[in-house]
């Protein structure tokens, strides 16, 4: 006899804005391991069809490898706006300054203005969630000198290890814009971006030893070039899920066995899920 499905308090839609069903499937065990018994995660993969949105013809994108493609993929996912009333929260699973996050929030706000019964709903992207998680883990005030009352912010930074070289400039600008506002310089807590030179698809089609070597090398470069201790590293691609061990090895090579284990490794998918579940339960 089939048992009834457990009741869930909250429904979260995880949006993969590229057409790779393989990547969507890879997200499922990551979120299942979080063991949220009262949360139901559902998944949306960008349609594998050419669509026309706001007068622009958009072709399906199998692997998002630039800032322009991340913007176009938001238009490819326009049909997800028809699902707003079915979910409590939405997670955009592309590690970029992805405009679908803002689009979803605006449409939710428009619906709430015309229909107060529409209810509270929350949106974040894995990029935004990983940055805020990193800052929450490395930021702290301490005494300038023991026994004195002067305070200072600790000298720790966070960085990003990601895929193709095109993301280095794109993500650096996105972090600066997120933390300081557009056109207001760089973020002093940000150690920068290092890349593997592989696309998200190549992460899963290249020989594992080569992928591992590239991730270790990128991590080692990030830490070696940073002026301050890098206390957190963001996995800069949804396709890098479950590759923490390689990043950890790079940390150990750069900092040694003990200090290398101090570095927090942030999976944006996990950070995003945690952000949204907390928001749903707290009713922010």
C-alpha atoms as a PDB file:
ATOM      1  CA  UNK A   1       0.000   0.000   0.000  1.00  0.00           C
ATOM      2  CA  UNK A   2       1.334   3.423  -0.939  1.00  0.00           C
ATOM      3  CA  UNK A   3       1.826   5.721   2.014  1.00  0.00           C
ATOM      4  CA  UNK A   4       0.520   9.282   1.708  1.00  0.00           C
ATOM      5  CA  UNK A   5       3.111  11.970   1.088  1.00  0.00           C
ATOM      6  CA  UNK A   6       3.966  13.973   4.211  1.00  0.00           C
ATOM      7  CA  UNK A   7       2.405  17.377   4.526  1.00  0.00           C
ATOM      8  CA  UNK A   8       4.799  20.250   3.894  1.00  0.00           C
ATOM      9  CA  UNK A   9       4.567  23.680   5.438  1.00  0.00           C
ATOM     10  CA  UNK A  10       6.491  25.411   2.653  1.00  0.00           C
ATOM     11  CA  UNK A  11       7.065  24.893  -1.058  1.00  0.00           C
ATOM     12  CA  UNK A  12      10.308  26.113  -2.654  1.00  0.00           C
ATOM     13  CA  UNK A  13      10.872  26.180  -6.414  1.00  0.00           C
ATOM     14  CA  UNK A  14      14.508  25.697  -7.441  1.00  0.00           C
ATOM     15  CA  UNK A  15      15.056  27.254 -10.871  1.00  0.00           C
ATOM     16  CA  UNK A  16      17.837  26.039 -13.152  1.00  0.00           C
ATOM     17  CA  UNK A  17      17.929  28.730 -15.863  1.00  0.00           C
ATOM     18  CA  UNK A  18      19.829  26.578 -18.344  1.00  0.00           C
ATOM     19  CA  UNK A  19      18.401  23.613 -20.234  1.00  0.00           C
ATOM     20  CA  UNK A  20      20.651  20.957 -18.672  1.00  0.00           C
ATOM     21  CA  UNK A  21      18.404  18.437 -16.936  1.00  0.00           C
ATOM     22  CA  UNK A  22      21.600  16.733 -15.720  1.00  0.00           C
ATOM     23  CA  UNK A  23      22.450  19.851 -13.724  1.00  0.00           C
ATOM     24  CA  UNK A  24      18.935  20.025 -12.317  1.00  0.00           C
ATOM     25  CA  UNK A  25      19.158  16.408 -11.202  1.00  0.00           C
ATOM     26  CA  UNK A  26      22.516  17.105  -9.538  1.00  0.00           C
ATOM     27  CA  UNK A  27      20.847  19.707  -7.314  1.00  0.00           C
ATOM     28  CA  UNK A  28      18.300  17.288  -5.848  1.00  0.00           C
ATOM     29  CA  UNK A  29      20.549  15.166  -3.573  1.00  0.00           C
ATOM     30  CA  UNK A  30      22.221  18.340  -2.241  1.00  0.00           C
ATOM     31  CA  UNK A  31      18.900  19.672  -0.992  1.00  0.00           C
ATOM     32  CA  UNK A  32      17.636  16.273   0.134  1.00  0.00           C
ATOM     33  CA  UNK A  33      20.653  15.986   2.463  1.00  0.00           C
ATOM     34  CA  UNK A  34      19.454  19.079   4.335  1.00  0.00           C
ATOM     35  CA  UNK A  35      16.594  16.974   5.710  1.00  0.00           C
ATOM     36  CA  UNK A  36      13.969  19.697   5.822  1.00  0.00           C
ATOM     37  CA  UNK A  37      10.990  17.544   6.760  1.00  0.00           C
ATOM     38  CA  UNK A  38       8.523  20.425   6.440  1.00  0.00           C
ATOM     39  CA  UNK A  39       9.812  21.835   3.131  1.00  0.00           C
ATOM     40  CA  UNK A  40       9.012  20.554  -0.347  1.00  0.00           C
ATOM     41  CA  UNK A  41      11.570  21.393  -3.036  1.00  0.00           C
ATOM     42  CA  UNK A  42      10.351  21.342  -6.617  1.00  0.00           C
ATOM     43  CA  UNK A  43      12.465  21.995  -9.709  1.00  0.00           C
ATOM     44  CA  UNK A  44      12.144  24.042 -12.877  1.00  0.00           C
ATOM     45  CA  UNK A  45      14.550  23.677 -15.821  1.00  0.00           C
ATOM     46  CA  UNK A  46      14.667  26.284 -18.577  1.00  0.00           C
ATOM     47  CA  UNK A  47      12.615  25.148 -21.572  1.00  0.00           C
ATOM     48  CA  UNK A  48      14.588  23.742 -24.491  1.00  0.00           C
ATOM     49  CA  UNK A  49      12.705  25.880 -27.015  1.00  0.00           C
ATOM     50  CA  UNK A  50      13.204  29.241 -28.661  1.00  0.00           C
ATOM     51  CA  UNK A  51      10.937  31.806 -26.999  1.00  0.00           C
ATOM     52  CA  UNK A  52      10.053  35.417 -27.711  1.00  0.00           C
ATOM     53  CA  UNK A  53       9.887  37.695 -24.666  1.00  0.00           C
ATOM     54  CA  UNK A  54       9.307  41.436 -24.791  1.00  0.00           C
ATOM     55  CA  UNK A  55      10.023  41.398 -28.519  1.00  0.00           C
ATOM     56  CA  UNK A  56      13.348  39.554 -28.168  1.00  0.00           C
ATOM     57  CA  UNK A  57      13.891  36.092 -29.612  1.00  0.00           C
ATOM     58  CA  UNK A  58      15.792  33.965 -27.084  1.00  0.00           C
ATOM     59  CA  UNK A  59      17.449  30.672 -27.869  1.00  0.00           C
ATOM     60  CA  UNK A  60      17.785  27.978 -25.177  1.00  0.00           C
ATOM     61  CA  UNK A  61      21.114  27.963 -23.325  1.00  0.00           C
ATOM     62  CA  UNK A  62      22.585  24.634 -22.238  1.00  0.00           C
ATOM     63  CA  UNK A  63      25.468  26.141 -20.255  1.00  0.00           C
ATOM     64  CA  UNK A  64      25.571  29.753 -19.042  1.00  0.00           C
ATOM     65  CA  UNK A  65      29.125  30.940 -19.656  1.00  0.00           C
ATOM     66  CA  UNK A  66      28.925  34.735 -19.567  1.00  0.00           C
ATOM     67  CA  UNK A  67      27.048  37.633 -18.035  1.00  0.00           C
ATOM     68  CA  UNK A  68      25.155  38.197 -21.272  1.00  0.00           C
ATOM     69  CA  UNK A  69      24.021  34.573 -21.346  1.00  0.00           C
ATOM     70  CA  UNK A  70      22.856  34.790 -17.737  1.00  0.00           C
ATOM     71  CA  UNK A  71      20.696  37.774 -18.713  1.00  0.00           C
ATOM     72  CA  UNK A  72      19.297  35.980 -21.748  1.00  0.00           C
ATOM     73  CA  UNK A  73      18.564  32.895 -19.661  1.00  0.00           C
ATOM     74  CA  UNK A  74      16.302  35.013 -17.475  1.00  0.00           C
ATOM     75  CA  UNK A  75      14.139  35.701 -20.519  1.00  0.00           C
ATOM     76  CA  UNK A  76      14.224  31.995 -21.418  1.00  0.00           C
ATOM     77  CA  UNK A  77      12.644  31.277 -18.022  1.00  0.00           C
ATOM     78  CA  UNK A  78       9.869  33.859 -18.362  1.00  0.00           C
ATOM     79  CA  UNK A  79       7.221  31.137 -18.129  1.00  0.00           C
ATOM     80  CA  UNK A  80       8.142  30.598 -14.465  1.00  0.00           C
ATOM     81  CA  UNK A  81       6.237  33.813 -13.682  1.00  0.00           C
ATOM     82  CA  UNK A  82       3.050  31.799 -14.159  1.00  0.00           C
ATOM     83  CA  UNK A  83       3.963  29.718 -11.096  1.00  0.00           C
ATOM     84  CA  UNK A  84       4.260  32.505  -8.529  1.00  0.00           C
ATOM     85  CA  UNK A  85       1.070  31.616  -6.706  1.00  0.00           C
ATOM     86  CA  UNK A  86       2.098  27.960  -6.282  1.00  0.00           C
ATOM     87  CA  UNK A  87       5.236  28.409  -4.156  1.00  0.00           C
ATOM     88  CA  UNK A  88       6.382  30.176  -1.011  1.00  0.00           C
ATOM     89  CA  UNK A  89       9.926  30.841  -2.191  1.00  0.00           C
ATOM     90  CA  UNK A  90      12.121  30.731  -5.290  1.00  0.00           C
ATOM     91  CA  UNK A  91      15.836  29.917  -5.626  1.00  0.00           C
ATOM     92  CA  UNK A  92      17.609  30.925  -8.849  1.00  0.00           C
ATOM     93  CA  UNK A  93      20.389  28.350  -9.223  1.00  0.00           C
ATOM     94  CA  UNK A  94      22.833  30.205 -11.457  1.00  0.00           C
ATOM     95  CA  UNK A  95      25.976  31.693  -9.971  1.00  0.00           C
ATOM     96  CA  UNK A  96      25.859  35.127 -11.562  1.00  0.00           C
ATOM     97  CA  UNK A  97      24.285  38.554 -11.221  1.00  0.00           C
ATOM     98  CA  UNK A  98      21.125  36.917 -12.488  1.00  0.00           C
ATOM     99  CA  UNK A  99      18.272  39.321 -13.307  1.00  0.00           C
ATOM    100  CA  UNK A 100      15.614  36.670 -12.771  1.00  0.00           C
ATOM    101  CA  UNK A 101      15.987  37.280  -9.019  1.00  0.00           C
ATOM    102  CA  UNK A 102      14.903  40.910  -9.423  1.00  0.00           C
ATOM    103  CA  UNK A 103      12.228  40.046 -11.984  1.00  0.00           C
ATOM    104  CA  UNK A 104      10.611  37.514  -9.657  1.00  0.00           C
ATOM    105  CA  UNK A 105      10.654  39.922  -6.724  1.00  0.00           C
ATOM    106  CA  UNK A 106       9.080  42.711  -8.768  1.00  0.00           C
ATOM    107  CA  UNK A 107       6.301  40.488 -10.085  1.00  0.00           C
ATOM    108  CA  UNK A 108       5.613  39.181  -6.588  1.00  0.00           C
ATOM    109  CA  UNK A 109       5.446  42.743  -5.275  1.00  0.00           C
ATOM    110  CA  UNK A 110       3.093  43.761  -8.108  1.00  0.00           C
ATOM    111  CA  UNK A 111       0.822  40.825  -7.284  1.00  0.00           C
ATOM    112  CA  UNK A 112       0.841  41.681  -3.572  1.00  0.00           C
ATOM    113  CA  UNK A 113      -0.123  45.286  -4.291  1.00  0.00           C
ATOM    114  CA  UNK A 114      -3.217  44.249  -6.228  1.00  0.00           C
ATOM    115  CA  UNK A 115      -4.065  41.195  -4.113  1.00  0.00           C
ATOM    116  CA  UNK A 116      -3.246  41.407  -0.372  1.00  0.00           C
ATOM    117  CA  UNK A 117      -4.166  37.726  -0.019  1.00  0.00           C
ATOM    118  CA  UNK A 118      -1.299  36.755  -2.339  1.00  0.00           C
ATOM    119  CA  UNK A 119       0.859  36.186   0.738  1.00  0.00           C
ATOM    120  CA  UNK A 120       4.520  36.521   1.619  1.00  0.00           C
ATOM    121  CA  UNK A 121       6.996  35.041  -0.823  1.00  0.00           C
ATOM    122  CA  UNK A 122      10.781  35.140  -0.932  1.00  0.00           C
ATOM    123  CA  UNK A 123      13.401  35.049  -3.682  1.00  0.00           C
ATOM    124  CA  UNK A 124      17.180  34.765  -3.739  1.00  0.00           C
ATOM    125  CA  UNK A 125      19.920  33.573  -6.037  1.00  0.00           C
ATOM    126  CA  UNK A 126      22.768  31.252  -5.149  1.00  0.00           C
ATOM    127  CA  UNK A 127      25.216  34.101  -5.815  1.00  0.00           C
ATOM    128  CA  UNK A 128      23.543  36.487  -3.369  1.00  0.00           C
ATOM    129  CA  UNK A 129      23.042  33.765  -0.773  1.00  0.00           C
ATOM    130  CA  UNK A 130      26.676  32.644  -0.839  1.00  0.00           C
ATOM    131  CA  UNK A 131      28.006  36.199  -0.427  1.00  0.00           C
ATOM    132  CA  UNK A 132      25.775  36.958   2.557  1.00  0.00           C
ATOM    133  CA  UNK A 133      26.579  33.568   4.113  1.00  0.00           C
ATOM    134  CA  UNK A 134      30.305  34.204   3.703  1.00  0.00           C
ATOM    135  CA  UNK A 135      30.113  37.631   5.302  1.00  0.00           C
ATOM    136  CA  UNK A 136      28.079  36.304   8.210  1.00  0.00           C
ATOM    137  CA  UNK A 137      30.774  33.679   8.882  1.00  0.00           C
ATOM    138  CA  UNK A 138      33.879  35.868   8.597  1.00  0.00           C
ATOM    139  CA  UNK A 139      32.680  39.230   9.934  1.00  0.00           C
ATOM    140  CA  UNK A 140      33.272  40.003  13.609  1.00  0.00           C
ATOM    141  CA  UNK A 141      34.472  42.790  15.864  1.00  0.00           C
ATOM    142  CA  UNK A 142      37.388  42.227  18.213  1.00  0.00           C
ATOM    143  CA  UNK A 143      39.525  44.296  20.566  1.00  0.00           C
ATOM    144  CA  UNK A 144      42.419  46.214  19.031  1.00  0.00           C
ATOM    145  CA  UNK A 145      44.521  45.156  22.016  1.00  0.00           C
ATOM    146  CA  UNK A 146      43.599  42.794  24.884  1.00  0.00           C
ATOM    147  CA  UNK A 147      42.489  44.734  27.931  1.00  0.00           C
ATOM    148  CA  UNK A 148      41.603  47.870  25.934  1.00  0.00           C
ATOM    149  CA  UNK A 149      38.165  49.101  24.924  1.00  0.00           C
ATOM    150  CA  UNK A 150      38.935  50.027  21.296  1.00  0.00           C
ATOM    151  CA  UNK A 151      37.309  47.766  18.724  1.00  0.00           C
ATOM    152  CA  UNK A 152      38.157  46.747  15.174  1.00  0.00           C
ATOM    153  CA  UNK A 153      36.738  44.548  12.437  1.00  0.00           C
ATOM    154  CA  UNK A 154      38.736  41.340  11.992  1.00  0.00           C
ATOM    155  CA  UNK A 155      40.959  41.174   8.912  1.00  0.00           C
ATOM    156  CA  UNK A 156      39.336  38.277   7.067  1.00  0.00           C
ATOM    157  CA  UNK A 157      38.098  38.160   3.513  1.00  0.00           C
ATOM    158  CA  UNK A 158      36.077  35.877   1.257  1.00  0.00           C
ATOM    159  CA  UNK A 159      36.674  34.843  -2.342  1.00  0.00           C
ATOM    160  CA  UNK A 160      35.125  32.871  -5.189  1.00  0.00           C
ATOM    161  CA  UNK A 161      36.420  29.857  -7.102  1.00  0.00           C
ATOM    162  CA  UNK A 162      34.470  29.430 -10.314  1.00  0.00           C
ATOM    163  CA  UNK A 163      34.524  27.991 -13.831  1.00  0.00           C
ATOM    164  CA  UNK A 164      35.447  29.848 -17.044  1.00  0.00           C
ATOM    165  CA  UNK A 165      37.749  32.867 -17.238  1.00  0.00           C
ATOM    166  CA  UNK A 166      34.904  35.091 -18.483  1.00  0.00           C
ATOM    167  CA  UNK A 167      33.433  35.009 -14.977  1.00  0.00           C
ATOM    168  CA  UNK A 168      36.420  36.677 -13.302  1.00  0.00           C
ATOM    169  CA  UNK A 169      35.506  40.217 -14.301  1.00  0.00           C
ATOM    170  CA  UNK A 170      31.765  39.552 -14.278  1.00  0.00           C
ATOM    171  CA  UNK A 171      31.647  38.226 -10.710  1.00  0.00           C
ATOM    172  CA  UNK A 172      34.135  40.774  -9.373  1.00  0.00           C
ATOM    173  CA  UNK A 173      31.887  43.575 -10.613  1.00  0.00           C
ATOM    174  CA  UNK A 174      28.789  41.820  -9.287  1.00  0.00           C
ATOM    175  CA  UNK A 175      30.272  41.579  -5.772  1.00  0.00           C
ATOM    176  CA  UNK A 176      31.299  45.239  -5.818  1.00  0.00           C
ATOM    177  CA  UNK A 177      27.837  46.281  -7.027  1.00  0.00           C
ATOM    178  CA  UNK A 178      26.108  44.106  -4.427  1.00  0.00           C
ATOM    179  CA  UNK A 179      28.145  45.346  -1.458  1.00  0.00           C
ATOM    180  CA  UNK A 180      28.857  48.946  -2.432  1.00  0.00           C
ATOM    181  CA  UNK A 181      26.339  49.898  -5.086  1.00  0.00           C
ATOM    182  CA  UNK A 182      27.056  50.307  -8.778  1.00  0.00           C
ATOM    183  CA  UNK A 183      30.091  52.462  -9.560  1.00  0.00           C
ATOM    184  CA  UNK A 184      31.316  52.750  -5.975  1.00  0.00           C
ATOM    185  CA  UNK A 185      34.642  50.946  -6.137  1.00  0.00           C
ATOM    186  CA  UNK A 186      35.702  47.527  -4.928  1.00  0.00           C
ATOM    187  CA  UNK A 187      34.785  45.582  -1.814  1.00  0.00           C
ATOM    188  CA  UNK A 188      37.585  45.560   0.753  1.00  0.00           C
ATOM    189  CA  UNK A 189      36.442  42.251   2.272  1.00  0.00           C
ATOM    190  CA  UNK A 190      36.570  40.580  -1.133  1.00  0.00           C
ATOM    191  CA  UNK A 191      39.699  38.591  -2.032  1.00  0.00           C
ATOM    192  CA  UNK A 192      38.673  38.187  -5.669  1.00  0.00           C
ATOM    193  CA  UNK A 193      37.778  35.458  -8.150  1.00  0.00           C
ATOM    194  CA  UNK A 194      39.872  32.613  -9.504  1.00  0.00           C
ATOM    195  CA  UNK A 195      38.744  30.286 -12.265  1.00  0.00           C
ATOM    196  CA  UNK A 196      39.328  26.730 -13.429  1.00  0.00           C
ATOM    197  CA  UNK A 197      39.046  27.608 -17.106  1.00  0.00           C
ATOM    198  CA  UNK A 198      36.310  24.973 -17.546  1.00  0.00           C
ATOM    199  CA  UNK A 199      32.661  25.598 -18.330  1.00  0.00           C
ATOM    200  CA  UNK A 200      29.929  24.231 -16.073  1.00  0.00           C
ATOM    201  CA  UNK A 201      29.346  21.386 -18.541  1.00  0.00           C
ATOM    202  CA  UNK A 202      33.076  20.616 -18.796  1.00  0.00           C
ATOM    203  CA  UNK A 203      33.234  20.214 -15.022  1.00  0.00           C
ATOM    204  CA  UNK A 204      31.258  17.009 -15.526  1.00  0.00           C
ATOM    205  CA  UNK A 205      32.692  15.855 -18.856  1.00  0.00           C
ATOM    206  CA  UNK A 206      36.424  16.381 -18.229  1.00  0.00           C
ATOM    207  CA  UNK A 207      38.469  13.671 -16.508  1.00  0.00           C
ATOM    208  CA  UNK A 208      37.992  14.035 -12.755  1.00  0.00           C
ATOM    209  CA  UNK A 209      41.718  14.259 -11.952  1.00  0.00           C
ATOM    210  CA  UNK A 210      42.046  17.210 -14.334  1.00  0.00           C
ATOM    211  CA  UNK A 211      39.008  18.929 -12.813  1.00  0.00           C
ATOM    212  CA  UNK A 212      40.373  18.339  -9.331  1.00  0.00           C
ATOM    213  CA  UNK A 213      43.793  19.715 -10.261  1.00  0.00           C
ATOM    214  CA  UNK A 214      42.285  22.857 -11.753  1.00  0.00           C
ATOM    215  CA  UNK A 215      40.105  23.504  -8.697  1.00  0.00           C
ATOM    216  CA  UNK A 216      43.066  23.010  -6.342  1.00  0.00           C
ATOM    217  CA  UNK A 217      45.226  25.350  -8.430  1.00  0.00           C
ATOM    218  CA  UNK A 218      42.522  28.037  -8.612  1.00  0.00           C
ATOM    219  CA  UNK A 219      42.006  27.857  -4.850  1.00  0.00           C
ATOM    220  CA  UNK A 220      45.741  28.050  -4.195  1.00  0.00           C
ATOM    221  CA  UNK A 221      46.052  31.149  -6.430  1.00  0.00           C
ATOM    222  CA  UNK A 222      43.101  32.850  -4.734  1.00  0.00           C
ATOM    223  CA  UNK A 223      44.552  32.420  -1.256  1.00  0.00           C
ATOM    224  CA  UNK A 224      48.128  33.086  -2.301  1.00  0.00           C
ATOM    225  CA  UNK A 225      47.261  36.456  -3.871  1.00  0.00           C
ATOM    226  CA  UNK A 226      45.011  37.692  -1.040  1.00  0.00           C
ATOM    227  CA  UNK A 227      46.504  40.294   1.355  1.00  0.00           C
ATOM    228  CA  UNK A 228      44.434  38.986   4.292  1.00  0.00           C
ATOM    229  CA  UNK A 229      43.408  35.543   5.514  1.00  0.00           C
ATOM    230  CA  UNK A 230      40.584  34.217   3.339  1.00  0.00           C
ATOM    231  CA  UNK A 231      38.098  32.804   5.817  1.00  0.00           C
ATOM    232  CA  UNK A 232      35.448  31.720   3.315  1.00  0.00           C
ATOM    233  CA  UNK A 233      35.360  30.535  -0.292  1.00  0.00           C
ATOM    234  CA  UNK A 234      32.199  30.456  -2.399  1.00  0.00           C
ATOM    235  CA  UNK A 235      31.727  27.700  -4.969  1.00  0.00           C
ATOM    236  CA  UNK A 236      31.035  29.927  -7.955  1.00  0.00           C
ATOM    237  CA  UNK A 237      28.882  27.550  -9.983  1.00  0.00           C
ATOM    238  CA  UNK A 238      25.877  25.351  -9.261  1.00  0.00           C
ATOM    239  CA  UNK A 239      27.778  22.653 -11.154  1.00  0.00           C
ATOM    240  CA  UNK A 240      30.556  22.715  -8.519  1.00  0.00           C
ATOM    241  CA  UNK A 241      28.337  21.114  -5.906  1.00  0.00           C
ATOM    242  CA  UNK A 242      30.098  18.244  -4.111  1.00  0.00           C
ATOM    243  CA  UNK A 243      33.536  19.549  -5.152  1.00  0.00           C
ATOM    244  CA  UNK A 244      34.357  20.971  -1.714  1.00  0.00           C
ATOM    245  CA  UNK A 245      37.095  18.400  -1.121  1.00  0.00           C
ATOM    246  CA  UNK A 246      39.181  19.797  -3.982  1.00  0.00           C
ATOM    247  CA  UNK A 247      38.769  23.346  -2.684  1.00  0.00           C
ATOM    248  CA  UNK A 248      39.779  22.131   0.783  1.00  0.00           C
ATOM    249  CA  UNK A 249      42.933  20.578  -0.638  1.00  0.00           C
ATOM    250  CA  UNK A 250      43.812  23.904  -2.226  1.00  0.00           C
ATOM    251  CA  UNK A 251      43.302  25.616   1.130  1.00  0.00           C
ATOM    252  CA  UNK A 252      45.613  23.114   2.849  1.00  0.00           C
ATOM    253  CA  UNK A 253      48.278  23.566   0.190  1.00  0.00           C
ATOM    254  CA  UNK A 254      48.128  27.346   0.584  1.00  0.00           C
ATOM    255  CA  UNK A 255      47.719  27.646   4.370  1.00  0.00           C
ATOM    256  CA  UNK A 256      48.864  24.330   5.817  1.00  0.00           C
ATOM    257  CA  UNK A 257      46.868  21.548   7.453  1.00  0.00           C
ATOM    258  CA  UNK A 258      45.507  23.451  10.468  1.00  0.00           C
ATOM    259  CA  UNK A 259      44.820  26.876   8.943  1.00  0.00           C
ATOM    260  CA  UNK A 260      43.534  25.267   5.752  1.00  0.00           C
ATOM    261  CA  UNK A 261      40.693  23.708   7.720  1.00  0.00           C
ATOM    262  CA  UNK A 262      39.684  27.119   9.119  1.00  0.00           C
ATOM    263  CA  UNK A 263      38.365  28.202   5.739  1.00  0.00           C
ATOM    264  CA  UNK A 264      34.591  27.850   5.329  1.00  0.00           C
ATOM    265  CA  UNK A 265      33.509  26.518   1.937  1.00  0.00           C
ATOM    266  CA  UNK A 266      30.118  27.844   0.893  1.00  0.00           C
ATOM    267  CA  UNK A 267      27.840  25.991  -1.519  1.00  0.00           C
ATOM    268  CA  UNK A 268      25.447  28.623  -2.871  1.00  0.00           C
ATOM    269  CA  UNK A 269      22.644  26.093  -3.376  1.00  0.00           C
ATOM    270  CA  UNK A 270      22.767  25.114   0.301  1.00  0.00           C
ATOM    271  CA  UNK A 271      23.135  28.749   1.390  1.00  0.00           C
ATOM    272  CA  UNK A 272      20.193  29.772  -0.769  1.00  0.00           C
ATOM    273  CA  UNK A 273      17.960  27.028   0.552  1.00  0.00           C
ATOM    274  CA  UNK A 274      18.849  27.946   4.120  1.00  0.00           C
ATOM    275  CA  UNK A 275      18.145  31.625   3.488  1.00  0.00           C
ATOM    276  CA  UNK A 276      14.727  30.934   1.995  1.00  0.00           C
ATOM    277  CA  UNK A 277      13.642  28.338   4.547  1.00  0.00           C
ATOM    278  CA  UNK A 278      14.610  30.683   7.384  1.00  0.00           C
ATOM    279  CA  UNK A 279      12.704  33.543   5.757  1.00  0.00           C
ATOM    280  CA  UNK A 280       9.610  31.361   5.279  1.00  0.00           C
ATOM    281  CA  UNK A 281       9.641  30.093   8.870  1.00  0.00           C
ATOM    282  CA  UNK A 282      10.374  33.500  10.377  1.00  0.00           C
ATOM    283  CA  UNK A 283       7.862  35.267   8.152  1.00  0.00           C
ATOM    284  CA  UNK A 284      10.221  38.159   7.448  1.00  0.00           C
END
